[in-house]
Amino acid sequence: GGSRRRSSRGSCGGSLGDWLAKRLHELGFNFCISVLEAALREIDEGDLGKEEVLKMWLGFPEDGALPHALQVIVCEYRQQRRLWRFVGAGAEDGSGLGEVVLRAE
């Protein structure tokens, strides 16, 4: 069987990580989910829109462009993180939250 990992980083951490993994798969972007998730969690929200910051954290060369799929994922992640913080502020376990956020496109 496959291994399943749950995040222990707070009430909504696992669900946001699940969303990220789903989007990577949907966009067909092959990148290490644990590296991407860790980097996105550490980057300040204001810096998520800065390509040079993303390149540094994710190991891309300074003179190259970020792949389009990664740009889309980062942009959407930033929005999702804001939604999770807003919607999940009062939720203890985050149950049912994923459906609300994923359908709010």
PDB file of N, CA and C in Angstrom:
ATOM      1  N   GLY A   1       0.821  -1.192   0.000  1.00  0.00           N
ATOM      2  CA  GLY A   1       0.000   0.000   0.000  1.00  0.00           C
ATOM      3  C   GLY A   1       0.854   1.240   0.000  1.00  0.00           C
ATOM      4  N   GLY A   2       0.266   2.362  -0.313  1.00  0.00           N
ATOM      5  CA  GLY A   2       0.982   3.629  -0.324  1.00  0.00           C
ATOM      6  C   GLY A   2       1.067   4.228   1.059  1.00  0.00           C
ATOM      7  N   SER A   3       2.027   5.047   1.232  1.00  0.00           N
ATOM      8  CA  SER A   3       2.168   5.686   2.541  1.00  0.00           C
ATOM      9  C   SER A   3       1.340   6.960   2.563  1.00  0.00           C
ATOM     10  N   ARG A   4       0.710   7.198   3.684  1.00  0.00           N
ATOM     11  CA  ARG A   4      -0.081   8.416   3.859  1.00  0.00           C
ATOM     12  C   ARG A   4       0.511   9.206   4.993  1.00  0.00           C
ATOM     13  N   ARG A   5       0.678  10.502   4.745  1.00  0.00           N
ATOM     14  CA  ARG A   5       1.255  11.364   5.765  1.00  0.00           C
ATOM     15  C   ARG A   5       0.277  12.459   6.089  1.00  0.00           C
ATOM     16  N   ARG A   6       0.080  12.672   7.349  1.00  0.00           N
ATOM     17  CA  ARG A   6      -0.790  13.757   7.801  1.00  0.00           C
ATOM     18  C   ARG A   6       0.067  14.853   8.384  1.00  0.00           C
ATOM     19  N   SER A   7      -0.299  16.077   8.107  1.00  0.00           N
ATOM     20  CA  SER A   7       0.431  17.200   8.666  1.00  0.00           C
ATOM     21  C   SER A   7       0.014  17.409  10.097  1.00  0.00           C
ATOM     22  N   SER A   8       0.972  17.764  10.934  1.00  0.00           N
ATOM     23  CA  SER A   8       0.654  18.055  12.331  1.00  0.00           C
ATOM     24  C   SER A   8       0.925  19.522  12.611  1.00  0.00           C
ATOM     25  N   ARG A   9       0.718  20.355  11.614  1.00  0.00           N
ATOM     26  CA  ARG A   9       1.094  21.760  11.729  1.00  0.00           C
ATOM     27  C   ARG A   9      -0.072  22.682  12.052  1.00  0.00           C
ATOM     28  N   GLY A  10      -1.128  22.194  12.595  1.00  0.00           N
ATOM     29  CA  GLY A  10      -2.223  23.076  12.941  1.00  0.00           C
ATOM     30  C   GLY A  10      -3.531  22.551  12.400  1.00  0.00           C
ATOM     31  N   SER A  11      -4.584  23.285  12.667  1.00  0.00           N
ATOM     32  CA  SER A  11      -5.921  22.803  12.368  1.00  0.00           C
ATOM     33  C   SER A  11      -6.167  22.599  10.879  1.00  0.00           C
ATOM     34  N   CYS A  12      -5.588  23.421  10.022  1.00  0.00           N
ATOM     35  CA  CYS A  12      -5.882  23.327   8.598  1.00  0.00           C
ATOM     36  C   CYS A  12      -4.670  22.943   7.761  1.00  0.00           C
ATOM     37  N   GLY A  13      -3.526  22.700   8.379  1.00  0.00           N
ATOM     38  CA  GLY A  13      -2.297  22.446   7.637  1.00  0.00           C
ATOM     39  C   GLY A  13      -2.388  21.284   6.683  1.00  0.00           C
ATOM     40  N   GLY A  14      -2.946  20.150   7.129  1.00  0.00           N
ATOM     41  CA  GLY A  14      -3.045  18.982   6.282  1.00  0.00           C
ATOM     42  C   GLY A  14      -3.938  19.229   5.087  1.00  0.00           C
ATOM     43  N   SER A  15      -5.031  19.916   5.279  1.00  0.00           N
ATOM     44  CA  SER A  15      -5.962  20.164   4.189  1.00  0.00           C
ATOM     45  C   SER A  15      -5.358  21.074   3.125  1.00  0.00           C
ATOM     46  N   LEU A  16      -4.617  22.074   3.540  1.00  0.00           N
ATOM     47  CA  LEU A  16      -3.970  22.954   2.576  1.00  0.00           C
ATOM     48  C   LEU A  16      -2.884  22.188   1.821  1.00  0.00           C
ATOM     49  N   GLY A  17      -2.178  21.325   2.507  1.00  0.00           N
ATOM     50  CA  GLY A  17      -1.186  20.473   1.855  1.00  0.00           C
ATOM     51  C   GLY A  17      -1.828  19.522   0.861  1.00  0.00           C
ATOM     52  N   ASP A  18      -2.999  18.991   1.227  1.00  0.00           N
ATOM     53  CA  ASP A  18      -3.734  18.112   0.309  1.00  0.00           C
ATOM     54  C   ASP A  18      -4.152  18.874  -0.942  1.00  0.00           C
ATOM     55  N   TRP A  19      -4.610  20.111  -0.747  1.00  0.00           N
ATOM     56  CA  TRP A  19      -4.997  20.945  -1.884  1.00  0.00           C
ATOM     57  C   TRP A  19      -3.800  21.157  -2.810  1.00  0.00           C
ATOM     58  N   LEU A  20      -2.639  21.442  -2.231  1.00  0.00           N
ATOM     59  CA  LEU A  20      -1.432  21.689  -3.012  1.00  0.00           C
ATOM     60  C   LEU A  20      -1.052  20.450  -3.826  1.00  0.00           C
ATOM     61  N   ALA A  21      -1.090  19.293  -3.199  1.00  0.00           N
ATOM     62  CA  ALA A  21      -0.759  18.051  -3.899  1.00  0.00           C
ATOM     63  C   ALA A  21      -1.734  17.797  -5.047  1.00  0.00           C
ATOM     64  N   LYS A  22      -3.012  18.077  -4.813  1.00  0.00           N
ATOM     65  CA  LYS A  22      -4.029  17.891  -5.852  1.00  0.00           C
ATOM     66  C   LYS A  22      -3.761  18.808  -7.042  1.00  0.00           C
ATOM     67  N   ARG A  23      -3.435  20.077  -6.771  1.00  0.00           N
ATOM     68  CA  ARG A  23      -3.180  21.023  -7.859  1.00  0.00           C
ATOM     69  C   ARG A  23      -1.923  20.640  -8.645  1.00  0.00           C
ATOM     70  N   LEU A  24      -0.887  20.194  -7.949  1.00  0.00           N
ATOM     71  CA  LEU A  24       0.319  19.739  -8.652  1.00  0.00           C
ATOM     72  C   LEU A  24      -0.046  18.636  -9.638  1.00  0.00           C
ATOM     73  N   HIS A  25      -0.847  17.702  -9.169  1.00  0.00           N
ATOM     74  CA  HIS A  25      -1.263  16.586 -10.016  1.00  0.00           C
ATOM     75  C   HIS A  25      -2.133  17.062 -11.177  1.00  0.00           C
ATOM     76  N   GLU A  26      -3.112  17.921 -10.891  1.00  0.00           N
ATOM     77  CA  GLU A  26      -4.014  18.417 -11.935  1.00  0.00           C
ATOM     78  C   GLU A  26      -3.269  19.163 -13.030  1.00  0.00           C
ATOM     79  N   LEU A  27      -2.253  19.923 -12.661  1.00  0.00           N
ATOM     80  CA  LEU A  27      -1.497  20.701 -13.638  1.00  0.00           C
ATOM     81  C   LEU A  27      -0.357  19.901 -14.273  1.00  0.00           C
ATOM     82  N   GLY A  28      -0.168  18.673 -13.794  1.00  0.00           N
ATOM     83  CA  GLY A  28       0.869  17.822 -14.356  1.00  0.00           C
ATOM     84  C   GLY A  28       2.265  18.330 -14.096  1.00  0.00           C
ATOM     85  N   PHE A  29       2.426  19.024 -12.970  1.00  0.00           N
ATOM     86  CA  PHE A  29       3.734  19.590 -12.639  1.00  0.00           C
ATOM     87  C   PHE A  29       4.460  18.648 -11.697  1.00  0.00           C
ATOM     88  N   ASN A  30       5.605  18.153 -12.119  1.00  0.00           N
ATOM     89  CA  ASN A  30       6.366  17.190 -11.343  1.00  0.00           C
ATOM     90  C   ASN A  30       7.387  17.919 -10.489  1.00  0.00           C
ATOM     91  N   PHE A  31       7.082  18.062  -9.212  1.00  0.00           N
ATOM     92  CA  PHE A  31       7.975  18.741  -8.272  1.00  0.00           C
ATOM     93  C   PHE A  31       7.775  18.092  -6.914  1.00  0.00           C
ATOM     94  N   CYS A  32       8.808  18.042  -6.132  1.00  0.00           N
ATOM     95  CA  CYS A  32       8.731  17.410  -4.810  1.00  0.00           C
ATOM     96  C   CYS A  32       7.740  18.180  -3.924  1.00  0.00           C
ATOM     97  N   ILE A  33       6.638  17.545  -3.580  1.00  0.00           N
ATOM     98  CA  ILE A  33       5.582  18.200  -2.812  1.00  0.00           C
ATOM     99  C   ILE A  33       6.075  18.656  -1.444  1.00  0.00           C
ATOM    100  N   SER A  34       6.906  17.870  -0.801  1.00  0.00           N
ATOM    101  CA  SER A  34       7.360  18.258   0.539  1.00  0.00           C
ATOM    102  C   SER A  34       8.248  19.492   0.492  1.00  0.00           C
ATOM    103  N   VAL A  35       9.075  19.618  -0.537  1.00  0.00           N
ATOM    104  CA  VAL A  35       9.925  20.796  -0.699  1.00  0.00           C
ATOM    105  C   VAL A  35       9.065  22.019  -1.016  1.00  0.00           C
ATOM    106  N   LEU A  36       8.139  21.860  -1.945  1.00  0.00           N
ATOM    107  CA  LEU A  36       7.285  22.978  -2.331  1.00  0.00           C
ATOM    108  C   LEU A  36       6.427  23.444  -1.158  1.00  0.00           C
ATOM    109  N   GLU A  37       5.815  22.505  -0.467  1.00  0.00           N
ATOM    110  CA  GLU A  37       4.958  22.865   0.666  1.00  0.00           C
ATOM    111  C   GLU A  37       5.753  23.563   1.767  1.00  0.00           C
ATOM    112  N   ALA A  38       6.924  23.034   2.086  1.00  0.00           N
ATOM    113  CA  ALA A  38       7.761  23.648   3.128  1.00  0.00           C
ATOM    114  C   ALA A  38       8.174  25.061   2.739  1.00  0.00           C
ATOM    115  N   ALA A  39       8.574  25.242   1.485  1.00  0.00           N
ATOM    116  CA  ALA A  39       8.994  26.566   1.028  1.00  0.00           C
ATOM    117  C   ALA A  39       7.831  27.552   1.060  1.00  0.00           C
ATOM    118  N   LEU A  40       6.678  27.133   0.551  1.00  0.00           N
ATOM    119  CA  LEU A  40       5.532  28.038   0.515  1.00  0.00           C
ATOM    120  C   LEU A  40       5.059  28.422   1.910  1.00  0.00           C
ATOM    121  N   ARG A  41       5.201  27.516   2.858  1.00  0.00           N
ATOM    122  CA  ARG A  41       4.816  27.826   4.237  1.00  0.00           C
ATOM    123  C   ARG A  41       5.766  28.851   4.862  1.00  0.00           C
ATOM    124  N   GLU A  42       7.024  28.816   4.464  1.00  0.00           N
ATOM    125  CA  GLU A  42       8.028  29.702   5.052  1.00  0.00           C
ATOM    126  C   GLU A  42       8.071  31.091   4.412  1.00  0.00           C
ATOM    127  N   ILE A  43       7.691  31.176   3.152  1.00  0.00           N
ATOM    128  CA  ILE A  43       7.757  32.457   2.443  1.00  0.00           C
ATOM    129  C   ILE A  43       6.619  33.351   2.929  1.00  0.00           C
ATOM    130  N   ASP A  44       6.961  34.576   3.271  1.00  0.00           N
ATOM    131  CA  ASP A  44       5.950  35.542   3.688  1.00  0.00           C
ATOM    132  C   ASP A  44       4.953  35.760   2.559  1.00  0.00           C
ATOM    133  N   GLU A  45       3.710  36.016   2.934  1.00  0.00           N
ATOM    134  CA  GLU A  45       2.658  36.176   1.934  1.00  0.00           C
ATOM    135  C   GLU A  45       2.996  37.254   0.902  1.00  0.00           C
ATOM    136  N   GLY A  46       3.566  38.360   1.356  1.00  0.00           N
ATOM    137  CA  GLY A  46       3.927  39.434   0.448  1.00  0.00           C
ATOM    138  C   GLY A  46       5.017  39.050  -0.539  1.00  0.00           C
ATOM    139  N   ASP A  47       5.848  38.064  -0.169  1.00  0.00           N
ATOM    140  CA  ASP A  47       6.942  37.636  -1.047  1.00  0.00           C
ATOM    141  C   ASP A  47       6.538  36.523  -2.010  1.00  0.00           C
ATOM    142  N   LEU A  48       5.343  35.955  -1.839  1.00  0.00           N
ATOM    143  CA  LEU A  48       4.914  34.877  -2.732  1.00  0.00           C
ATOM    144  C   LEU A  48       4.758  35.349  -4.174  1.00  0.00           C
ATOM    145  N   GLY A  49       4.575  36.655  -4.373  1.00  0.00           N
ATOM    146  CA  GLY A  49       4.452  37.186  -5.720  1.00  0.00           C
ATOM    147  C   GLY A  49       5.777  37.590  -6.339  1.00  0.00           C
ATOM    148  N   LYS A  50       6.863  37.436  -5.600  1.00  0.00           N
ATOM    149  CA  LYS A  50       8.183  37.840  -6.090  1.00  0.00           C
ATOM    150  C   LYS A  50       8.923  36.639  -6.659  1.00  0.00           C
ATOM    151  N   GLU A  51       9.114  36.677  -7.970  1.00  0.00           N
ATOM    152  CA  GLU A  51       9.725  35.553  -8.659  1.00  0.00           C
ATOM    153  C   GLU A  51      11.138  35.256  -8.152  1.00  0.00           C
ATOM    154  N   GLU A  52      11.914  36.302  -7.841  1.00  0.00           N
ATOM    155  CA  GLU A  52      13.289  36.059  -7.388  1.00  0.00           C
ATOM    156  C   GLU A  52      13.316  35.334  -6.036  1.00  0.00           C
ATOM    157  N   VAL A  53      12.344  35.612  -5.174  1.00  0.00           N
ATOM    158  CA  VAL A  53      12.259  34.929  -3.883  1.00  0.00           C
ATOM    159  C   VAL A  53      11.899  33.455  -4.096  1.00  0.00           C
ATOM    160  N   LEU A  54      10.929  33.216  -4.952  1.00  0.00           N
ATOM    161  CA  LEU A  54      10.511  31.845  -5.243  1.00  0.00           C
ATOM    162  C   LEU A  54      11.661  31.033  -5.841  1.00  0.00           C
ATOM    163  N   LYS A  55      12.384  31.646  -6.774  1.00  0.00           N
ATOM    164  CA  LYS A  55      13.520  30.949  -7.394  1.00  0.00           C
ATOM    165  C   LYS A  55      14.554  30.561  -6.350  1.00  0.00           C
ATOM    166  N   MET A  56      14.848  31.479  -5.436  1.00  0.00           N
ATOM    167  CA  MET A  56      15.839  31.206  -4.403  1.00  0.00           C
ATOM    168  C   MET A  56      15.392  30.042  -3.519  1.00  0.00           C
ATOM    169  N   TRP A  57      14.159  30.089  -3.039  1.00  0.00           N
ATOM    170  CA  TRP A  57      13.650  29.056  -2.130  1.00  0.00           C
ATOM    171  C   TRP A  57      13.519  27.695  -2.808  1.00  0.00           C
ATOM    172  N   LEU A  58      13.165  27.705  -4.099  1.00  0.00           N
ATOM    173  CA  LEU A  58      12.869  26.452  -4.784  1.00  0.00           C
ATOM    174  C   LEU A  58      14.024  25.931  -5.627  1.00  0.00           C
ATOM    175  N   GLY A  59      15.132  26.670  -5.654  1.00  0.00           N
ATOM    176  CA  GLY A  59      16.321  26.178  -6.331  1.00  0.00           C
ATOM    177  C   GLY A  59      16.339  26.374  -7.837  1.00  0.00           C
ATOM    178  N   PHE A  60      15.630  27.352  -8.330  1.00  0.00           N
ATOM    179  CA  PHE A  60      15.653  27.642  -9.767  1.00  0.00           C
ATOM    180  C   PHE A  60      16.722  28.695 -10.047  1.00  0.00           C
ATOM    181  N   PRO A  61      17.355  28.653 -11.240  1.00  0.00           N
ATOM    182  CA  PRO A  61      18.380  29.641 -11.568  1.00  0.00           C
ATOM    183  C   PRO A  61      17.792  31.046 -11.666  1.00  0.00           C
ATOM    184  N   GLU A  62      18.585  32.028 -11.258  1.00  0.00           N
ATOM    185  CA  GLU A  62      18.137  33.426 -11.253  1.00  0.00           C
ATOM    186  C   GLU A  62      17.766  33.933 -12.642  1.00  0.00           C
ATOM    187  N   ASP A  63      18.497  33.481 -13.664  1.00  0.00           N
ATOM    188  CA  ASP A  63      18.308  34.027 -15.008  1.00  0.00           C
ATOM    189  C   ASP A  63      17.216  33.329 -15.814  1.00  0.00           C
ATOM    190  N   GLY A  64      16.624  32.285 -15.269  1.00  0.00           N
ATOM    191  CA  GLY A  64      15.561  31.580 -15.981  1.00  0.00           C
ATOM    192  C   GLY A  64      14.191  31.958 -15.450  1.00  0.00           C
ATOM    193  N   ALA A  65      13.171  31.651 -16.222  1.00  0.00           N
ATOM    194  CA  ALA A  65      11.794  31.908 -15.794  1.00  0.00           C
ATOM    195  C   ALA A  65      11.263  30.711 -15.015  1.00  0.00           C
ATOM    196  N   LEU A  66      10.380  30.988 -14.077  1.00  0.00           N
ATOM    197  CA  LEU A  66       9.706  29.896 -13.373  1.00  0.00           C
ATOM    198  C   LEU A  66       8.736  29.223 -14.342  1.00  0.00           C
ATOM    199  N   PRO A  67       8.592  27.909 -14.240  1.00  0.00           N
ATOM    200  CA  PRO A  67       7.608  27.230 -15.101  1.00  0.00           C
ATOM    201  C   PRO A  67       6.211  27.816 -14.873  1.00  0.00           C
ATOM    202  N   HIS A  68       5.437  27.915 -15.947  1.00  0.00           N
ATOM    203  CA  HIS A  68       4.109  28.513 -15.855  1.00  0.00           C
ATOM    204  C   HIS A  68       3.232  27.796 -14.824  1.00  0.00           C
ATOM    205  N   ALA A  69       3.263  26.468 -14.823  1.00  0.00           N
ATOM    206  CA  ALA A  69       2.440  25.712 -13.871  1.00  0.00           C
ATOM    207  C   ALA A  69       2.790  26.087 -12.433  1.00  0.00           C
ATOM    208  N   LEU A  70       4.065  26.310 -12.164  1.00  0.00           N
ATOM    209  CA  LEU A  70       4.482  26.695 -10.809  1.00  0.00           C
ATOM    210  C   LEU A  70       3.977  28.096 -10.470  1.00  0.00           C
ATOM    211  N   GLN A  71       4.010  28.999 -11.439  1.00  0.00           N
ATOM    212  CA  GLN A  71       3.484  30.348 -11.218  1.00  0.00           C
ATOM    213  C   GLN A  71       1.999  30.293 -10.872  1.00  0.00           C
ATOM    214  N   VAL A  72       1.258  29.450 -11.577  1.00  0.00           N
ATOM    215  CA  VAL A  72      -0.174  29.289 -11.319  1.00  0.00           C
ATOM    216  C   VAL A  72      -0.398  28.724  -9.923  1.00  0.00           C
ATOM    217  N   ILE A  73       0.343  27.689  -9.573  1.00  0.00           N
ATOM    218  CA  ILE A  73       0.192  27.046  -8.265  1.00  0.00           C
ATOM    219  C   ILE A  73       0.493  28.033  -7.141  1.00  0.00           C
ATOM    220  N   VAL A  74       1.556  28.794  -7.271  1.00  0.00           N
ATOM    221  CA  VAL A  74       1.932  29.746  -6.221  1.00  0.00           C
ATOM    222  C   VAL A  74       0.859  30.822  -6.068  1.00  0.00           C
ATOM    223  N   CYS A  75       0.356  31.324  -7.185  1.00  0.00           N
ATOM    224  CA  CYS A  75      -0.698  32.342  -7.140  1.00  0.00           C
ATOM    225  C   CYS A  75      -1.949  31.789  -6.455  1.00  0.00           C
ATOM    226  N   GLU A  76      -2.355  30.609  -6.838  1.00  0.00           N
ATOM    227  CA  GLU A  76      -3.534  29.985  -6.238  1.00  0.00           C
ATOM    228  C   GLU A  76      -3.290  29.640  -4.775  1.00  0.00           C
ATOM    229  N   TYR A  77      -2.077  29.180  -4.455  1.00  0.00           N
ATOM    230  CA  TYR A  77      -1.745  28.843  -3.071  1.00  0.00           C
ATOM    231  C   TYR A  77      -1.888  30.070  -2.176  1.00  0.00           C
ATOM    232  N   ARG A  78      -1.414  31.189  -2.664  1.00  0.00           N
ATOM    233  CA  ARG A  78      -1.509  32.434  -1.896  1.00  0.00           C
ATOM    234  C   ARG A  78      -2.975  32.756  -1.574  1.00  0.00           C
ATOM    235  N   GLN A  79      -3.839  32.592  -2.572  1.00  0.00           N
ATOM    236  CA  GLN A  79      -5.270  32.830  -2.361  1.00  0.00           C
ATOM    237  C   GLN A  79      -5.855  31.807  -1.394  1.00  0.00           C
ATOM    238  N   GLN A  80      -5.480  30.544  -1.565  1.00  0.00           N
ATOM    239  CA  GLN A  80      -5.996  29.489  -0.701  1.00  0.00           C
ATOM    240  C   GLN A  80      -5.575  29.712   0.745  1.00  0.00           C
ATOM    241  N   ARG A  81      -4.330  30.112   0.940  1.00  0.00           N
ATOM    242  CA  ARG A  81      -3.826  30.340   2.294  1.00  0.00           C
ATOM    243  C   ARG A  81      -4.629  31.447   2.981  1.00  0.00           C
ATOM    244  N   ARG A  82      -4.938  32.484   2.227  1.00  0.00           N
ATOM    245  CA  ARG A  82      -5.768  33.557   2.787  1.00  0.00           C
ATOM    246  C   ARG A  82      -7.154  33.031   3.150  1.00  0.00           C
ATOM    247  N   LEU A  83      -7.743  32.243   2.259  1.00  0.00           N
ATOM    248  CA  LEU A  83      -9.067  31.684   2.529  1.00  0.00           C
ATOM    249  C   LEU A  83      -9.049  30.772   3.751  1.00  0.00           C
ATOM    250  N   TRP A  84      -8.036  29.912   3.850  1.00  0.00           N
ATOM    251  CA  TRP A  84      -7.944  28.993   4.991  1.00  0.00           C
ATOM    252  C   TRP A  84      -7.844  29.769   6.292  1.00  0.00           C
ATOM    253  N   ARG A  85      -7.072  30.835   6.269  1.00  0.00           N
ATOM    254  CA  ARG A  85      -6.935  31.641   7.488  1.00  0.00           C
ATOM    255  C   ARG A  85      -8.247  32.306   7.851  1.00  0.00           C
ATOM    256  N   PHE A  86      -8.949  32.801   6.863  1.00  0.00           N
ATOM    257  CA  PHE A  86     -10.217  33.486   7.096  1.00  0.00           C
ATOM    258  C   PHE A  86     -11.304  32.500   7.510  1.00  0.00           C
ATOM    259  N   VAL A  87     -11.509  31.468   6.701  1.00  0.00           N
ATOM    260  CA  VAL A  87     -12.586  30.507   6.940  1.00  0.00           C
ATOM    261  C   VAL A  87     -12.284  29.620   8.141  1.00  0.00           C
ATOM    262  N   GLY A  88     -11.004  29.265   8.307  1.00  0.00           N
ATOM    263  CA  GLY A  88     -10.633  28.336   9.362  1.00  0.00           C
ATOM    264  C   GLY A  88     -10.317  28.974  10.695  1.00  0.00           C
ATOM    265  N   ALA A  89     -10.507  30.270  10.808  1.00  0.00           N
ATOM    266  CA  ALA A  89     -10.146  30.965  12.043  1.00  0.00           C
ATOM    267  C   ALA A  89     -10.851  30.379  13.257  1.00  0.00           C
ATOM    268  N   GLY A  90     -12.096  29.950  13.111  1.00  0.00           N
ATOM    269  CA  GLY A  90     -12.830  29.417  14.248  1.00  0.00           C
ATOM    270  C   GLY A  90     -12.923  27.909  14.258  1.00  0.00           C
ATOM    271  N   ALA A  91     -12.417  27.248  13.218  1.00  0.00           N
ATOM    272  CA  ALA A  91     -12.528  25.792  13.128  1.00  0.00           C
ATOM    273  C   ALA A  91     -11.404  25.121  13.903  1.00  0.00           C
ATOM    274  N   GLU A  92     -11.763  24.137  14.666  1.00  0.00           N
ATOM    275  CA  GLU A  92     -10.761  23.403  15.444  1.00  0.00           C
ATOM    276  C   GLU A  92     -10.112  22.289  14.629  1.00  0.00           C
ATOM    277  N   ASP A  93     -10.904  21.593  13.832  1.00  0.00           N
ATOM    278  CA  ASP A  93     -10.356  20.452  13.105  1.00  0.00           C
ATOM    279  C   ASP A  93     -10.309  20.645  11.598  1.00  0.00           C
ATOM    280  N   GLY A  94     -10.896  21.718  11.093  1.00  0.00           N
ATOM    281  CA  GLY A  94     -10.860  21.983   9.664  1.00  0.00           C
ATOM    282  C   GLY A  94     -11.754  21.082   8.842  1.00  0.00           C
ATOM    283  N   SER A  95     -12.601  20.284   9.495  1.00  0.00           N
ATOM    284  CA  SER A  95     -13.435  19.342   8.757  1.00  0.00           C
ATOM    285  C   SER A  95     -14.426  20.068   7.861  1.00  0.00           C
ATOM    286  N   GLY A  96     -14.544  19.586   6.647  1.00  0.00           N
ATOM    287  CA  GLY A  96     -15.477  20.161   5.690  1.00  0.00           C
ATOM    288  C   GLY A  96     -14.962  21.431   5.033  1.00  0.00           C
ATOM    289  N   LEU A  97     -13.861  21.958   5.485  1.00  0.00           N
ATOM    290  CA  LEU A  97     -13.354  23.211   4.964  1.00  0.00           C
ATOM    291  C   LEU A  97     -12.864  23.073   3.534  1.00  0.00           C
ATOM    292  N   GLY A  98     -12.255  21.951   3.218  1.00  0.00           N
ATOM    293  CA  GLY A  98     -11.684  21.762   1.894  1.00  0.00           C
ATOM    294  C   GLY A  98     -12.718  21.906   0.788  1.00  0.00           C
ATOM    295  N   GLU A  99     -13.906  21.377   0.993  1.00  0.00           N
ATOM    296  CA  GLU A  99     -14.942  21.476  -0.015  1.00  0.00           C
ATOM    297  C   GLU A  99     -15.332  22.927  -0.265  1.00  0.00           C
ATOM    298  N   VAL A 100     -15.427  23.713   0.773  1.00  0.00           N
ATOM    299  CA  VAL A 100     -15.800  25.123   0.631  1.00  0.00           C
ATOM    300  C   VAL A 100     -14.742  25.855  -0.171  1.00  0.00           C
ATOM    301  N   VAL A 101     -13.479  25.659   0.171  1.00  0.00           N
ATOM    302  CA  VAL A 101     -12.398  26.408  -0.466  1.00  0.00           C
ATOM    303  C   VAL A 101     -12.169  25.934  -1.903  1.00  0.00           C
ATOM    304  N   LEU A 102     -12.181  24.625  -2.135  1.00  0.00           N
ATOM    305  CA  LEU A 102     -11.884  24.113  -3.464  1.00  0.00           C
ATOM    306  C   LEU A 102     -12.951  24.489  -4.482  1.00  0.00           C
ATOM    307  N   ARG A 103     -14.176  24.701  -4.055  1.00  0.00           N
ATOM    308  CA  ARG A 103     -15.242  25.033  -4.981  1.00  0.00           C
ATOM    309  C   ARG A 103     -15.424  26.526  -5.153  1.00  0.00           C
ATOM    310  N   ALA A 104     -14.640  27.317  -4.446  1.00  0.00           N
ATOM    311  CA  ALA A 104     -14.792  28.776  -4.506  1.00  0.00           C
ATOM    312  C   ALA A 104     -13.950  29.388  -5.605  1.00  0.00           C
ATOM    313  N   GLU A 105     -13.994  28.816  -6.788  1.00  0.00           N
ATOM    314  CA  GLU A 105     -13.168  29.315  -7.898  1.00  0.00           C
ATOM    315  C   GLU A 105     -13.904  30.319  -8.733  1.00  0.00           C
TER     316      GLU A 105
END
